[in-house]
Protein backbone atom coordinates (compact mmCIF):
# COMPACT_ATOMS: atom_id res chain seq x y z
CA MET A 1 89.47 10.63 -40.37
CA SER A 2 87.57 7.76 -41.88
CA GLU A 3 83.87 7.94 -42.53
CA ILE A 4 81.51 5.33 -41.13
CA PRO A 5 79.76 3.44 -43.96
CA GLN A 6 76.00 3.93 -44.08
CA SER A 7 75.26 0.21 -43.78
CA ASN A 8 77.52 -0.10 -40.73
CA LEU A 9 75.73 2.78 -38.99
CA LYS A 10 72.38 1.27 -39.91
CA SER A 11 73.35 -2.13 -38.49
CA THR A 12 74.61 -0.48 -35.29
CA PHE A 13 71.30 1.34 -34.86
CA ALA A 14 69.43 -1.90 -35.62
CA GLN A 15 71.35 -3.69 -32.88
CA LEU A 16 70.80 -0.86 -30.40
CA SER A 17 67.08 -0.69 -31.17
CA VAL A 18 66.39 -4.18 -29.81
CA SER A 19 68.50 -3.60 -26.70
CA PRO A 20 66.99 -1.91 -23.64
CA ALA A 21 70.36 -0.35 -22.68
CA PRO A 22 69.96 3.11 -24.32
CA ALA A 23 66.45 3.48 -22.91
CA TRP A 24 67.48 2.42 -19.43
CA LEU A 25 70.46 4.79 -19.54
CA LEU A 26 68.19 7.73 -20.35
CA SER A 27 65.61 6.59 -17.81
CA SER A 28 68.17 6.33 -15.02
CA SER A 29 69.63 9.72 -15.99
CA LEU A 30 66.19 11.31 -15.81
CA LEU A 31 65.41 9.73 -12.46
CA ALA A 32 68.83 10.75 -11.09
CA THR A 33 68.12 14.37 -12.01
CA ASN A 34 65.96 14.78 -8.92
CA VAL A 35 68.89 13.81 -6.71
CA ILE A 36 71.66 15.83 -8.36
CA LYS A 37 69.96 19.08 -9.36
CA PRO A 38 70.57 22.05 -7.05
CA SER A 39 67.76 23.85 -5.32
CA ILE A 40 66.27 26.92 -6.98
CA GLN A 41 67.74 29.19 -4.28
CA THR A 42 71.23 27.89 -5.05
CA GLN A 43 70.65 28.44 -8.75
CA LEU A 44 69.54 32.04 -8.15
CA GLN A 45 72.48 32.72 -5.85
CA TYR A 46 75.00 31.84 -8.56
CA SER A 47 73.10 33.23 -11.53
CA ASN A 48 74.56 36.01 -13.64
CA TYR A 49 71.86 38.58 -12.89
CA SER A 50 71.99 38.50 -9.08
CA ASN A 51 74.88 41.03 -8.82
CA THR A 52 73.75 43.63 -11.33
CA PRO A 53 74.85 47.18 -10.50
CA SER A 54 71.69 49.24 -11.06
CA MET A 55 67.98 48.99 -10.37
CA VAL A 56 67.17 49.43 -14.07
CA SER A 57 69.20 46.41 -15.08
CA LYS A 58 67.67 44.41 -12.23
CA LEU A 59 64.22 45.20 -13.54
CA LEU A 60 65.19 44.41 -17.13
CA PHE A 61 67.17 41.22 -16.66
CA LYS A 62 65.68 39.51 -13.62
CA PRO A 63 62.74 37.21 -14.41
CA ARG A 64 59.61 37.44 -12.32
CA GLN A 65 59.79 33.78 -11.40
CA PRO A 66 63.02 31.84 -11.33
CA ILE A 67 63.31 29.50 -14.30
CA SER A 68 65.35 26.39 -13.73
CA PRO A 69 67.19 24.81 -16.66
CA TYR A 70 66.63 21.43 -15.05
CA PRO A 71 63.34 19.61 -15.63
CA ASN A 72 61.00 19.55 -12.66
CA THR A 73 60.34 16.50 -10.51
CA MET A 74 57.06 15.48 -12.14
CA THR A 75 58.57 15.69 -15.62
CA THR A 76 61.53 13.51 -14.75
CA LEU A 77 59.40 10.94 -12.91
CA LEU A 78 56.83 10.71 -15.70
CA PHE A 79 59.22 10.52 -18.64
CA GLY A 80 61.79 8.40 -16.80
CA SER A 81 59.21 5.81 -15.82
CA PHE A 82 57.63 5.52 -19.29
CA ILE A 83 60.99 5.33 -21.05
CA GLY A 84 62.05 2.68 -18.54
CA LEU A 85 58.81 0.80 -19.22
CA GLY A 86 59.58 0.84 -22.94
CA GLY A 87 63.04 -0.54 -22.15
CA PHE A 88 61.42 -3.34 -20.18
CA MET A 89 59.17 -4.10 -23.14
CA CYS A 90 62.29 -4.46 -25.33
CA TYR A 91 63.86 -6.67 -22.65
CA ASP A 92 60.69 -8.80 -22.50
CA ASN A 93 60.94 -9.71 -26.23
CA ASP A 94 58.55 -7.09 -27.57
CA PRO A 95 60.98 -4.76 -29.36
CA ILE A 96 58.51 -3.19 -31.80
CA ASN A 97 56.05 -1.94 -29.19
CA GLY A 98 58.86 -1.07 -26.80
CA ALA A 99 60.54 0.96 -29.53
CA GLY A 100 57.28 2.81 -30.19
CA VAL A 101 56.84 3.70 -26.52
CA ILE A 102 60.44 4.83 -26.13
CA SER A 103 60.40 6.83 -29.36
CA ALA A 104 57.15 8.61 -28.52
CA TRP A 105 58.08 9.54 -24.95
CA SER A 106 61.62 10.56 -25.92
CA SER A 107 60.30 12.82 -28.67
CA LEU A 108 57.81 14.41 -26.27
CA TYR A 109 60.59 14.98 -23.74
CA CYS A 110 62.64 16.74 -26.41
CA LEU A 111 59.71 18.97 -27.36
CA ILE A 112 58.88 19.90 -23.78
CA THR A 113 62.32 20.55 -22.30
CA ALA A 114 64.50 21.57 -25.23
CA ARG A 115 63.93 25.32 -24.95
CA ASN A 116 64.99 25.63 -21.30
CA ALA A 117 67.90 23.25 -21.80
CA ILE A 118 69.29 24.96 -24.89
CA TRP A 119 69.13 28.50 -23.52
CA SER A 120 70.77 27.63 -20.19
CA TRP A 121 74.48 27.46 -19.41
CA LYS A 122 74.16 24.03 -17.78
CA LEU A 123 75.49 20.97 -19.57
CA TYR A 124 73.41 18.25 -17.88
CA PRO A 125 70.00 19.39 -19.27
CA LYS A 126 71.56 19.57 -22.74
CA LEU A 127 72.85 16.00 -22.37
CA LEU A 128 69.38 14.81 -21.32
CA VAL A 129 67.78 16.38 -24.41
CA ALA A 130 70.54 14.97 -26.66
CA GLY A 131 70.06 11.51 -25.15
CA ALA A 132 66.31 11.71 -25.64
CA GLY A 133 66.81 12.80 -29.25
CA LEU A 134 69.20 9.93 -29.88
CA ASN A 135 66.71 7.49 -28.35
CA SER A 136 64.01 8.91 -30.61
CA VAL A 137 66.16 8.27 -33.67
CA ILE A 138 67.30 4.79 -32.62
CA TYR A 139 63.95 3.42 -31.51
CA GLY A 140 61.87 5.42 -33.99
CA GLY A 141 63.77 3.83 -36.86
CA LYS A 142 62.94 0.39 -35.45
CA PHE A 143 59.28 1.25 -34.93
CA PHE A 144 58.77 2.79 -38.37
CA GLY A 145 60.70 0.01 -40.11
CA PHE A 146 63.75 1.87 -41.38
CA TYR A 147 65.98 -0.97 -40.17
């Protein structure tokens, strides 16, 4: 397998950092989360601790409140709209400020939702956190002048 040269990777990130496409992809994924995520009752029905054999294990392993691995509605609307706004700023020929907005909000999304996403068995929340982290790297490099 051939390695990607450092300058080639840097030029690819530099091209992506002036494009609104990665930001709009993450923004649309966040906004689509509200449509595709199952209800909390469905998540509890198919969870691994709903069919435990004894009362002791039910008390030990069942949380007091159900914790969803998916981000809640307010989180997805807030972060999706601000990341989309940063993408529009890049589209409207203001790539430095747009990159700063996208990098900041993507980093905050990673900090807020990473714990629930990593410790769940669901793939979609992990992909959202990975996409937000990638956006932070791409646009943060543009904002801080690395490329």
